[in-house]
Structure formats: structure tokens, C-alpha cells
Amino acid sequence: GLSANLENLLLKDTKNEILYVFALNII
């Protein structure tokens, strides 16, 4: 199931939320 996790990681909504949460926290 690790490969499925990687595929889900690359979904557009997931990537957008990753970047959004990162930006809020680093600032």
C-alpha cells in the first residue's frame, strides 16, 4: 500500500494542501 500512498500524495488537492500548510507554518 505504500505505492498507493505515493500516488495519493501526487494528487492535485493533496499537493495544494501540502504547500498551503507549509507556507502558513514557515511564516
mmCIF file of all heavy atoms, coordinates in Angstrom:
data_MODEL
# 
_entry.id   MODEL 
# 
loop_
_atom_site.group_PDB 
_atom_site.id 
_atom_site.type_symbol 
_atom_site.label_atom_id 
_atom_site.label_alt_id 
_atom_site.label_comp_id 
_atom_site.label_asym_id 
_atom_site.label_entity_id 
_atom_site.label_seq_id 
_atom_site.pdbx_PDB_ins_code 
_atom_site.Cartn_x 
_atom_site.Cartn_y 
_atom_site.Cartn_z 
_atom_site.occupancy 
_atom_site.B_iso_or_equiv 
_atom_site.pdbx_formal_charge 
_atom_site.auth_seq_id 
_atom_site.auth_comp_id 
_atom_site.auth_asym_id 
_atom_site.auth_atom_id 
_atom_site.pdbx_PDB_model_num 
ATOM 1   N N   . GLY A 1 1  ? 0.787  -1.230 0.000   1.00 0.00 ? 1  GLY A N   1 
ATOM 2   C CA  . GLY A 1 1  ? 0.000  0.000  0.000   1.00 0.00 ? 1  GLY A CA  1 
ATOM 3   C C   . GLY A 1 1  ? 0.814  1.272  0.000   1.00 0.00 ? 1  GLY A C   1 
ATOM 4   O O   . GLY A 1 1  ? 0.271  2.369  -0.138  1.00 0.00 ? 1  GLY A O   1 
ATOM 5   N N   . LEU A 1 2  ? 2.143  1.154  0.145   1.00 0.00 ? 2  LEU A N   1 
ATOM 6   C CA  . LEU A 1 2  ? 2.984  2.354  0.155   1.00 0.00 ? 2  LEU A CA  1 
ATOM 7   C C   . LEU A 1 2  ? 2.959  3.049  -1.201  1.00 0.00 ? 2  LEU A C   1 
ATOM 8   O O   . LEU A 1 2  ? 2.966  4.282  -1.278  1.00 0.00 ? 2  LEU A O   1 
ATOM 9   C CB  . LEU A 1 2  ? 4.419  1.977  0.533   1.00 0.00 ? 2  LEU A CB  1 
ATOM 10  C CG  . LEU A 1 2  ? 5.380  3.148  0.799   1.00 0.00 ? 2  LEU A CG  1 
ATOM 11  C CD1 . LEU A 1 2  ? 4.851  4.040  1.911   1.00 0.00 ? 2  LEU A CD1 1 
ATOM 12  C CD2 . LEU A 1 2  ? 6.762  2.627  1.159   1.00 0.00 ? 2  LEU A CD2 1 
ATOM 13  N N   . SER A 1 3  ? 2.896  2.265  -2.289  1.00 0.00 ? 3  SER A N   1 
ATOM 14  C CA  . SER A 1 3  ? 2.832  2.853  -3.626  1.00 0.00 ? 3  SER A CA  1 
ATOM 15  C C   . SER A 1 3  ? 1.526  3.615  -3.820  1.00 0.00 ? 3  SER A C   1 
ATOM 16  O O   . SER A 1 3  ? 1.497  4.667  -4.476  1.00 0.00 ? 3  SER A O   1 
ATOM 17  C CB  . SER A 1 3  ? 2.966  1.761  -4.699  1.00 0.00 ? 3  SER A CB  1 
ATOM 18  O OG  . SER A 1 3  ? 1.950  0.789  -4.558  1.00 0.00 ? 3  SER A OG  1 
ATOM 19  N N   . ALA A 1 4  ? 0.438  3.106  -3.246  1.00 0.00 ? 4  ALA A N   1 
ATOM 20  C CA  . ALA A 1 4  ? -0.856 3.799  -3.325  1.00 0.00 ? 4  ALA A CA  1 
ATOM 21  C C   . ALA A 1 4  ? -0.787 5.117  -2.557  1.00 0.00 ? 4  ALA A C   1 
ATOM 22  O O   . ALA A 1 4  ? -1.356 6.136  -2.989  1.00 0.00 ? 4  ALA A O   1 
ATOM 23  C CB  . ALA A 1 4  ? -1.963 2.912  -2.771  1.00 0.00 ? 4  ALA A CB  1 
ATOM 24  N N   . ASN A 1 5  ? -0.083 5.117  -1.425  1.00 0.00 ? 5  ASN A N   1 
ATOM 25  C CA  . ASN A 1 5  ? 0.109  6.352  -0.660  1.00 0.00 ? 5  ASN A CA  1 
ATOM 26  C C   . ASN A 1 5  ? 0.858  7.387  -1.486  1.00 0.00 ? 5  ASN A C   1 
ATOM 27  O O   . ASN A 1 5  ? 0.545  8.578  -1.447  1.00 0.00 ? 5  ASN A O   1 
ATOM 28  C CB  . ASN A 1 5  ? 0.896  6.065  0.619   1.00 0.00 ? 5  ASN A CB  1 
ATOM 29  C CG  . ASN A 1 5  ? 0.051  5.423  1.698   1.00 0.00 ? 5  ASN A CG  1 
ATOM 30  O OD1 . ASN A 1 5  ? -1.166 5.329  1.567   1.00 0.00 ? 5  ASN A OD1 1 
ATOM 31  N ND2 . ASN A 1 5  ? 0.688  4.958  2.757   1.00 0.00 ? 5  ASN A ND2 1 
ATOM 32  N N   . LEU A 1 6  ? 1.860  6.923  -2.228  1.00 0.00 ? 6  LEU A N   1 
ATOM 33  C CA  . LEU A 1 6  ? 2.643  7.822  -3.063  1.00 0.00 ? 6  LEU A CA  1 
ATOM 34  C C   . LEU A 1 6  ? 1.784  8.412  -4.177  1.00 0.00 ? 6  LEU A C   1 
ATOM 35  O O   . LEU A 1 6  ? 1.889  9.607  -4.491  1.00 0.00 ? 6  LEU A O   1 
ATOM 36  C CB  . LEU A 1 6  ? 3.838  7.073  -3.655  1.00 0.00 ? 6  LEU A CB  1 
ATOM 37  C CG  . LEU A 1 6  ? 4.804  7.898  -4.513  1.00 0.00 ? 6  LEU A CG  1 
ATOM 38  C CD1 . LEU A 1 6  ? 5.365  9.060  -3.712  1.00 0.00 ? 6  LEU A CD1 1 
ATOM 39  C CD2 . LEU A 1 6  ? 5.929  7.024  -5.054  1.00 0.00 ? 6  LEU A CD2 1 
ATOM 40  N N   . GLU A 1 7  ? 0.927  7.600  -4.771  1.00 0.00 ? 7  GLU A N   1 
ATOM 41  C CA  . GLU A 1 7  ? 0.024  8.088  -5.814  1.00 0.00 ? 7  GLU A CA  1 
ATOM 42  C C   . GLU A 1 7  ? -0.933 9.135  -5.259  1.00 0.00 ? 7  GLU A C   1 
ATOM 43  O O   . GLU A 1 7  ? -1.180 10.165 -5.899  1.00 0.00 ? 7  GLU A O   1 
ATOM 44  C CB  . GLU A 1 7  ? -0.762 6.921  -6.410  1.00 0.00 ? 7  GLU A CB  1 
ATOM 45  C CG  . GLU A 1 7  ? 0.093  5.955  -7.231  1.00 0.00 ? 7  GLU A CG  1 
ATOM 46  C CD  . GLU A 1 7  ? -0.716 4.776  -7.753  1.00 0.00 ? 7  GLU A CD  1 
ATOM 47  O OE1 . GLU A 1 7  ? -1.948 4.758  -7.527  1.00 0.00 ? 7  GLU A OE1 1 
ATOM 48  O OE2 . GLU A 1 7  ? -0.113 3.866  -8.358  1.00 0.00 ? 7  GLU A OE2 1 
ATOM 49  N N   . ASN A 1 8  ? -1.469 8.883  -4.071  1.00 0.00 ? 8  ASN A N   1 
ATOM 50  C CA  . ASN A 1 8  ? -2.380 9.844  -3.445  1.00 0.00 ? 8  ASN A CA  1 
ATOM 51  C C   . ASN A 1 8  ? -1.657 11.141 -3.092  1.00 0.00 ? 8  ASN A C   1 
ATOM 52  O O   . ASN A 1 8  ? -2.255 12.226 -3.116  1.00 0.00 ? 8  ASN A O   1 
ATOM 53  C CB  . ASN A 1 8  ? -2.996 9.241  -2.179  1.00 0.00 ? 8  ASN A CB  1 
ATOM 54  C CG  . ASN A 1 8  ? -3.936 8.092  -2.489  1.00 0.00 ? 8  ASN A CG  1 
ATOM 55  O OD1 . ASN A 1 8  ? -4.532 8.047  -3.562  1.00 0.00 ? 8  ASN A OD1 1 
ATOM 56  N ND2 . ASN A 1 8  ? -4.074 7.157  -1.559  1.00 0.00 ? 8  ASN A ND2 1 
ATOM 57  N N   . LEU A 1 9  ? -0.380 11.012 -2.767  1.00 0.00 ? 9  LEU A N   1 
ATOM 58  C CA  . LEU A 1 9  ? 0.423  12.189 -2.429  1.00 0.00 ? 9  LEU A CA  1 
ATOM 59  C C   . LEU A 1 9  ? 0.539  13.145 -3.612  1.00 0.00 ? 9  LEU A C   1 
ATOM 60  O O   . LEU A 1 9  ? 0.641  14.362 -3.436  1.00 0.00 ? 9  LEU A O   1 
ATOM 61  C CB  . LEU A 1 9  ? 1.823  11.736 -1.987  1.00 0.00 ? 9  LEU A CB  1 
ATOM 62  C CG  . LEU A 1 9  ? 2.831  12.808 -1.581  1.00 0.00 ? 9  LEU A CG  1 
ATOM 63  C CD1 . LEU A 1 9  ? 2.385  13.479 -0.286  1.00 0.00 ? 9  LEU A CD1 1 
ATOM 64  C CD2 . LEU A 1 9  ? 4.210  12.192 -1.407  1.00 0.00 ? 9  LEU A CD2 1 
ATOM 65  N N   . LEU A 1 10 ? 0.499  12.592 -4.813  1.00 0.00 ? 10 LEU A N   1 
ATOM 66  C CA  . LEU A 1 10 ? 0.692  13.382 -6.028  1.00 0.00 ? 10 LEU A CA  1 
ATOM 67  C C   . LEU A 1 10 ? -0.610 13.958 -6.589  1.00 0.00 ? 10 LEU A C   1 
ATOM 68  O O   . LEU A 1 10 ? -0.591 14.635 -7.614  1.00 0.00 ? 10 LEU A O   1 
ATOM 69  C CB  . LEU A 1 10 ? 1.372  12.526 -7.095  1.00 0.00 ? 10 LEU A CB  1 
ATOM 70  C CG  . LEU A 1 10 ? 2.758  11.976 -6.721  1.00 0.00 ? 10 LEU A CG  1 
ATOM 71  C CD1 . LEU A 1 10 ? 3.298  11.084 -7.815  1.00 0.00 ? 10 LEU A CD1 1 
ATOM 72  C CD2 . LEU A 1 10 ? 3.735  13.109 -6.418  1.00 0.00 ? 10 LEU A CD2 1 
ATOM 73  N N   . LEU A 1 11 ? -1.729 13.700 -5.903  1.00 0.00 ? 11 LEU A N   1 
ATOM 74  C CA  . LEU A 1 11 ? -2.994 14.287 -6.337  1.00 0.00 ? 11 LEU A CA  1 
ATOM 75  C C   . LEU A 1 11 ? -2.954 15.806 -6.183  1.00 0.00 ? 11 LEU A C   1 
ATOM 76  O O   . LEU A 1 11 ? -2.336 16.330 -5.247  1.00 0.00 ? 11 LEU A O   1 
ATOM 77  C CB  . LEU A 1 11 ? -4.155 13.709 -5.517  1.00 0.00 ? 11 LEU A CB  1 
ATOM 78  C CG  . LEU A 1 11 ? -4.448 12.216 -5.706  1.00 0.00 ? 11 LEU A CG  1 
ATOM 79  C CD1 . LEU A 1 11 ? -5.549 11.779 -4.752  1.00 0.00 ? 11 LEU A CD1 1 
ATOM 80  C CD2 . LEU A 1 11 ? -4.842 11.929 -7.153  1.00 0.00 ? 11 LEU A CD2 1 
ATOM 81  N N   . LYS A 1 12 ? -3.609 16.515 -7.067  1.00 0.00 ? 12 LYS A N   1 
ATOM 82  C CA  . LYS A 1 12 ? -3.547 17.979 -7.086  1.00 0.00 ? 12 LYS A CA  1 
ATOM 83  C C   . LYS A 1 12 ? -4.003 18.586 -5.763  1.00 0.00 ? 12 LYS A C   1 
ATOM 84  O O   . LYS A 1 12 ? -3.336 19.472 -5.210  1.00 0.00 ? 12 LYS A O   1 
ATOM 85  C CB  . LYS A 1 12 ? -4.396 18.527 -8.226  1.00 0.00 ? 12 LYS A CB  1 
ATOM 86  C CG  . LYS A 1 12 ? -4.349 20.057 -8.340  1.00 0.00 ? 12 LYS A CG  1 
ATOM 87  C CD  . LYS A 1 12 ? -5.183 20.552 -9.510  1.00 0.00 ? 12 LYS A CD  1 
ATOM 88  C CE  . LYS A 1 12 ? -5.138 22.078 -9.589  1.00 0.00 ? 12 LYS A CE  1 
ATOM 89  N NZ  . LYS A 1 12 ? -5.955 22.584 -10.726 1.00 0.00 ? 12 LYS A NZ  1 
ATOM 90  N N   . ASP A 1 13 ? -5.150 18.139 -5.246  1.00 0.00 ? 13 ASP A N   1 
ATOM 91  C CA  . ASP A 1 13 ? -5.666 18.701 -3.989  1.00 0.00 ? 13 ASP A CA  1 
ATOM 92  C C   . ASP A 1 13 ? -4.707 18.459 -2.835  1.00 0.00 ? 13 ASP A C   1 
ATOM 93  O O   . ASP A 1 13 ? -4.519 19.331 -1.972  1.00 0.00 ? 13 ASP A O   1 
ATOM 94  C CB  . ASP A 1 13 ? -7.036 18.093 -3.666  1.00 0.00 ? 13 ASP A CB  1 
ATOM 95  C CG  . ASP A 1 13 ? -8.131 18.584 -4.613  1.00 0.00 ? 13 ASP A CG  1 
ATOM 96  O OD1 . ASP A 1 13 ? -7.900 19.601 -5.301  1.00 0.00 ? 13 ASP A OD1 1 
ATOM 97  O OD2 . ASP A 1 13 ? -9.196 17.955 -4.663  1.00 0.00 ? 13 ASP A OD2 1 
ATOM 98  N N   . THR A 1 14 ? -4.105 17.281 -2.808  1.00 0.00 ? 14 THR A N   1 
ATOM 99  C CA  . THR A 1 14 ? -3.160 16.954 -1.743  1.00 0.00 ? 14 THR A CA  1 
ATOM 100 C C   . THR A 1 14 ? -1.925 17.839 -1.817  1.00 0.00 ? 14 THR A C   1 
ATOM 101 O O   . THR A 1 14 ? -1.455 18.375 -0.813  1.00 0.00 ? 14 THR A O   1 
ATOM 102 C CB  . THR A 1 14 ? -2.732 15.475 -1.821  1.00 0.00 ? 14 THR A CB  1 
ATOM 103 O OG1 . THR A 1 14 ? -3.888 14.642 -1.762  1.00 0.00 ? 14 THR A OG1 1 
ATOM 104 C CG2 . THR A 1 14 ? -1.802 15.122 -0.667  1.00 0.00 ? 14 THR A CG2 1 
ATOM 105 N N   . LYS A 1 15 ? -1.388 18.009 -3.014  1.00 0.00 ? 15 LYS A N   1 
ATOM 106 C CA  . LYS A 1 15 ? -0.201 18.853 -3.191  1.00 0.00 ? 15 LYS A CA  1 
ATOM 107 C C   . LYS A 1 15 ? -0.497 20.301 -2.802  1.00 0.00 ? 15 LYS A C   1 
ATOM 108 O O   . LYS A 1 15 ? 0.336  20.959 -2.170  1.00 0.00 ? 15 LYS A O   1 
ATOM 109 C CB  . LYS A 1 15 ? 0.288  18.779 -4.641  1.00 0.00 ? 15 LYS A CB  1 
ATOM 110 C CG  . LYS A 1 15 ? 0.911  17.444 -5.013  1.00 0.00 ? 15 LYS A CG  1 
ATOM 111 C CD  . LYS A 1 15 ? 1.612  17.492 -6.372  1.00 0.00 ? 15 LYS A CD  1 
ATOM 112 C CE  . LYS A 1 15 ? 0.621  17.676 -7.507  1.00 0.00 ? 15 LYS A CE  1 
ATOM 113 N NZ  . LYS A 1 15 ? 1.289  17.595 -8.830  1.00 0.00 ? 15 LYS A NZ  1 
ATOM 114 N N   . ASN A 1 16 ? -1.679 20.780 -3.177  1.00 0.00 ? 16 ASN A N   1 
ATOM 115 C CA  . ASN A 1 16 ? -2.049 22.155 -2.825  1.00 0.00 ? 16 ASN A CA  1 
ATOM 116 C C   . ASN A 1 16 ? -2.147 22.347 -1.318  1.00 0.00 ? 16 ASN A C   1 
ATOM 117 O O   . ASN A 1 16 ? -1.699 23.364 -0.774  1.00 0.00 ? 16 ASN A O   1 
ATOM 118 C CB  . ASN A 1 16 ? -3.385 22.520 -3.481  1.00 0.00 ? 16 ASN A CB  1 
ATOM 119 C CG  . ASN A 1 16 ? -3.273 22.701 -4.986  1.00 0.00 ? 16 ASN A CG  1 
ATOM 120 O OD1 . ASN A 1 16 ? -2.174 22.902 -5.506  1.00 0.00 ? 16 ASN A OD1 1 
ATOM 121 N ND2 . ASN A 1 16 ? -4.382 22.627 -5.682  1.00 0.00 ? 16 ASN A ND2 1 
ATOM 122 N N   . GLU A 1 17 ? -2.726 21.360 -0.626  1.00 0.00 ? 17 GLU A N   1 
ATOM 123 C CA  . GLU A 1 17 ? -2.852 21.477 0.831   1.00 0.00 ? 17 GLU A CA  1 
ATOM 124 C C   . GLU A 1 17 ? -1.484 21.371 1.501   1.00 0.00 ? 17 GLU A C   1 
ATOM 125 O O   . GLU A 1 17 ? -1.220 22.058 2.492   1.00 0.00 ? 17 GLU A O   1 
ATOM 126 C CB  . GLU A 1 17 ? -3.791 20.406 1.380   1.00 0.00 ? 17 GLU A CB  1 
ATOM 127 C CG  . GLU A 1 17 ? -4.082 20.581 2.858   1.00 0.00 ? 17 GLU A CG  1 
ATOM 128 C CD  . GLU A 1 17 ? -5.309 19.821 3.331   1.00 0.00 ? 17 GLU A CD  1 
ATOM 129 O OE1 . GLU A 1 17 ? -5.863 19.035 2.535   1.00 0.00 ? 17 GLU A OE1 1 
ATOM 130 O OE2 . GLU A 1 17 ? -5.708 20.005 4.493   1.00 0.00 ? 17 GLU A OE2 1 
ATOM 131 N N   . ILE A 1 18 ? -0.613 20.541 0.961   1.00 0.00 ? 18 ILE A N   1 
ATOM 132 C CA  . ILE A 1 18 ? 0.744  20.426 1.496   1.00 0.00 ? 18 ILE A CA  1 
ATOM 133 C C   . ILE A 1 18 ? 1.458  21.775 1.432   1.00 0.00 ? 18 ILE A C   1 
ATOM 134 O O   . ILE A 1 18 ? 2.053  22.235 2.414   1.00 0.00 ? 18 ILE A O   1 
ATOM 135 C CB  . ILE A 1 18 ? 1.540  19.359 0.713   1.00 0.00 ? 18 ILE A CB  1 
ATOM 136 C CG1 . ILE A 1 18 ? 1.079  17.957 1.105   1.00 0.00 ? 18 ILE A CG1 1 
ATOM 137 C CG2 . ILE A 1 18 ? 3.051  19.503 0.976   1.00 0.00 ? 18 ILE A CG2 1 
ATOM 138 C CD1 . ILE A 1 18 ? 1.693  16.858 0.270   1.00 0.00 ? 18 ILE A CD1 1 
ATOM 139 N N   . LEU A 1 19 ? 1.394  22.419 0.283   1.00 0.00 ? 19 LEU A N   1 
ATOM 140 C CA  . LEU A 1 19 ? 2.062  23.709 0.112   1.00 0.00 ? 19 LEU A CA  1 
ATOM 141 C C   . LEU A 1 19 ? 1.415  24.795 0.964   1.00 0.00 ? 19 LEU A C   1 
ATOM 142 O O   . LEU A 1 19 ? 2.113  25.663 1.513   1.00 0.00 ? 19 LEU A O   1 
ATOM 143 C CB  . LEU A 1 19 ? 2.032  24.111 -1.370  1.00 0.00 ? 19 LEU A CB  1 
ATOM 144 C CG  . LEU A 1 19 ? 2.854  23.231 -2.312  1.00 0.00 ? 19 LEU A CG  1 
ATOM 145 C CD1 . LEU A 1 19 ? 2.649  23.653 -3.761  1.00 0.00 ? 19 LEU A CD1 1 
ATOM 146 C CD2 . LEU A 1 19 ? 4.335  23.283 -1.945  1.00 0.00 ? 19 LEU A CD2 1 
ATOM 147 N N   . TYR A 1 20 ? 0.099  24.741 1.095   1.00 0.00 ? 20 TYR A N   1 
ATOM 148 C CA  . TYR A 1 20 ? -0.626 25.740 1.885   1.00 0.00 ? 20 TYR A CA  1 
ATOM 149 C C   . TYR A 1 20 ? -0.244 25.635 3.364   1.00 0.00 ? 20 TYR A C   1 
ATOM 150 O O   . TYR A 1 20 ? 0.085  26.643 4.006   1.00 0.00 ? 20 TYR A O   1 
ATOM 151 C CB  . TYR A 1 20 ? -2.130 25.525 1.711   1.00 0.00 ? 20 TYR A CB  1 
ATOM 152 C CG  . TYR A 1 20 ? -2.987 26.509 2.489   1.00 0.00 ? 20 TYR A CG  1 
ATOM 153 C CD1 . TYR A 1 20 ? -3.033 27.852 2.146   1.00 0.00 ? 20 TYR A CD1 1 
ATOM 154 C CD2 . TYR A 1 20 ? -3.751 26.075 3.578   1.00 0.00 ? 20 TYR A CD2 1 
ATOM 155 C CE1 . TYR A 1 20 ? -3.826 28.752 2.863   1.00 0.00 ? 20 TYR A CE1 1 
ATOM 156 C CE2 . TYR A 1 20 ? -4.534 26.965 4.296   1.00 0.00 ? 20 TYR A CE2 1 
ATOM 157 C CZ  . TYR A 1 20 ? -4.571 28.294 3.927   1.00 0.00 ? 20 TYR A CZ  1 
ATOM 158 O OH  . TYR A 1 20 ? -5.358 29.182 4.641   1.00 0.00 ? 20 TYR A OH  1 
ATOM 159 N N   . VAL A 1 21 ? -0.269 24.432 3.899   1.00 0.00 ? 21 VAL A N   1 
ATOM 160 C CA  . VAL A 1 21 ? 0.076  24.228 5.310   1.00 0.00 ? 21 VAL A CA  1 
ATOM 161 C C   . VAL A 1 21 ? 1.532  24.580 5.558   1.00 0.00 ? 21 VAL A C   1 
ATOM 162 O O   . VAL A 1 21 ? 1.874  25.196 6.582   1.00 0.00 ? 21 VAL A O   1 
ATOM 163 C CB  . VAL A 1 21 ? -0.210 22.769 5.724   1.00 0.00 ? 21 VAL A CB  1 
ATOM 164 C CG1 . VAL A 1 21 ? 0.326  22.495 7.131   1.00 0.00 ? 21 VAL A CG1 1 
ATOM 165 C CG2 . VAL A 1 21 ? -1.707 22.486 5.666   1.00 0.00 ? 21 VAL A CG2 1 
ATOM 166 N N   . PHE A 1 22 ? 2.408  24.213 4.637   1.00 0.00 ? 22 PHE A N   1 
ATOM 167 C CA  . PHE A 1 22 ? 3.825  24.568 4.776   1.00 0.00 ? 22 PHE A CA  1 
ATOM 168 C C   . PHE A 1 22 ? 4.002  26.082 4.831   1.00 0.00 ? 22 PHE A C   1 
ATOM 169 O O   . PHE A 1 22 ? 4.704  26.607 5.712   1.00 0.00 ? 22 PHE A O   1 
ATOM 170 C CB  . PHE A 1 22 ? 4.644  24.006 3.611   1.00 0.00 ? 22 PHE A CB  1 
ATOM 171 C CG  . PHE A 1 22 ? 5.880  24.807 3.319   1.00 0.00 ? 22 PHE A CG  1 
ATOM 172 C CD1 . PHE A 1 22 ? 6.963  24.776 4.186   1.00 0.00 ? 22 PHE A CD1 1 
ATOM 173 C CD2 . PHE A 1 22 ? 5.949  25.623 2.200   1.00 0.00 ? 22 PHE A CD2 1 
ATOM 174 C CE1 . PHE A 1 22 ? 8.098  25.544 3.937   1.00 0.00 ? 22 PHE A CE1 1 
ATOM 175 C CE2 . PHE A 1 22 ? 7.078  26.383 1.945   1.00 0.00 ? 22 PHE A CE2 1 
ATOM 176 C CZ  . PHE A 1 22 ? 8.157  26.344 2.816   1.00 0.00 ? 22 PHE A CZ  1 
ATOM 177 N N   . ALA A 1 23 ? 3.356  26.809 3.903   1.00 0.00 ? 23 ALA A N   1 
ATOM 178 C CA  . ALA A 1 23 ? 3.511  28.264 3.824   1.00 0.00 ? 23 ALA A CA  1 
ATOM 179 C C   . ALA A 1 23 ? 3.039  28.943 5.106   1.00 0.00 ? 23 ALA A C   1 
ATOM 180 O O   . ALA A 1 23 ? 3.718  29.833 5.644   1.00 0.00 ? 23 ALA A O   1 
ATOM 181 C CB  . ALA A 1 23 ? 2.725  28.810 2.627   1.00 0.00 ? 23 ALA A CB  1 
ATOM 182 N N   . LEU A 1 24 ? 1.893  28.513 5.637   1.00 0.00 ? 24 LEU A N   1 
ATOM 183 C CA  . LEU A 1 24 ? 1.374  29.107 6.865   1.00 0.00 ? 24 LEU A CA  1 
ATOM 184 C C   . LEU A 1 24 ? 2.331  28.882 8.026   1.00 0.00 ? 24 LEU A C   1 
ATOM 185 O O   . LEU A 1 24 ? 2.593  29.787 8.826   1.00 0.00 ? 24 LEU A O   1 
ATOM 186 C CB  . LEU A 1 24 ? 0.003  28.513 7.202   1.00 0.00 ? 24 LEU A CB  1 
ATOM 187 C CG  . LEU A 1 24 ? -1.151 28.824 6.243   1.00 0.00 ? 24 LEU A CG  1 
ATOM 188 C CD1 . LEU A 1 24 ? -2.434 28.204 6.765   1.00 0.00 ? 24 LEU A CD1 1 
ATOM 189 C CD2 . LEU A 1 24 ? -1.314 30.319 6.056   1.00 0.00 ? 24 LEU A CD2 1 
ATOM 190 N N   . ASN A 1 25 ? 2.861  27.684 8.124   1.00 0.00 ? 25 ASN A N   1 
ATOM 191 C CA  . ASN A 1 25 ? 3.718  27.344 9.260   1.00 0.00 ? 25 ASN A CA  1 
ATOM 192 C C   . ASN A 1 25 ? 5.082  28.007 9.190   1.00 0.00 ? 25 ASN A C   1 
ATOM 193 O O   . ASN A 1 25 ? 5.612  28.450 10.208  1.00 0.00 ? 25 ASN A O   1 
ATOM 194 C CB  . ASN A 1 25 ? 3.870  25.826 9.370   1.00 0.00 ? 25 ASN A CB  1 
ATOM 195 C CG  . ASN A 1 25 ? 2.707  25.163 10.074  1.00 0.00 ? 25 ASN A CG  1 
ATOM 196 O OD1 . ASN A 1 25 ? 2.659  25.111 11.298  1.00 0.00 ? 25 ASN A OD1 1 
ATOM 197 N ND2 . ASN A 1 25 ? 1.754  24.671 9.311   1.00 0.00 ? 25 ASN A ND2 1 
ATOM 198 N N   . ILE A 1 26 ? 5.674  28.079 7.997   1.00 0.00 ? 26 ILE A N   1 
ATOM 199 C CA  . ILE A 1 26 ? 7.011  28.671 7.896   1.00 0.00 ? 26 ILE A CA  1 
ATOM 200 C C   . ILE A 1 26 ? 6.956  30.172 8.150   1.00 0.00 ? 26 ILE A C   1 
ATOM 201 O O   . ILE A 1 26 ? 7.872  30.754 8.739   1.00 0.00 ? 26 ILE A O   1 
ATOM 202 C CB  . ILE A 1 26 ? 7.661  28.378 6.518   1.00 0.00 ? 26 ILE A CB  1 
ATOM 203 C CG1 . ILE A 1 26 ? 9.170  28.639 6.570   1.00 0.00 ? 26 ILE A CG1 1 
ATOM 204 C CG2 . ILE A 1 26 ? 7.007  29.200 5.425   1.00 0.00 ? 26 ILE A CG2 1 
ATOM 205 C CD1 . ILE A 1 26 ? 9.936  27.664 7.405   1.00 0.00 ? 26 ILE A CD1 1 
ATOM 206 N N   . ILE A 1 27 ? 5.850  30.809 7.735   1.00 0.00 ? 27 ILE A N   1 
ATOM 207 C CA  . ILE A 1 27 ? 5.700  32.241 8.007   1.00 0.00 ? 27 ILE A CA  1 
ATOM 208 C C   . ILE A 1 27 ? 5.442  32.472 9.487   1.00 0.00 ? 27 ILE A C   1 
ATOM 209 O O   . ILE A 1 27 ? 6.018  33.366 10.108  1.00 0.00 ? 27 ILE A O   1 
ATOM 210 C CB  . ILE A 1 27 ? 4.554  32.842 7.154   1.00 0.00 ? 27 ILE A CB  1 
ATOM 211 C CG1 . ILE A 1 27 ? 4.905  32.763 5.664   1.00 0.00 ? 27 ILE A CG1 1 
ATOM 212 C CG2 . ILE A 1 27 ? 4.310  34.297 7.541   1.00 0.00 ? 27 ILE A CG2 1 
ATOM 213 C CD1 . ILE A 1 27 ? 3.787  33.187 4.741   1.00 0.00 ? 27 ILE A CD1 1 
# 
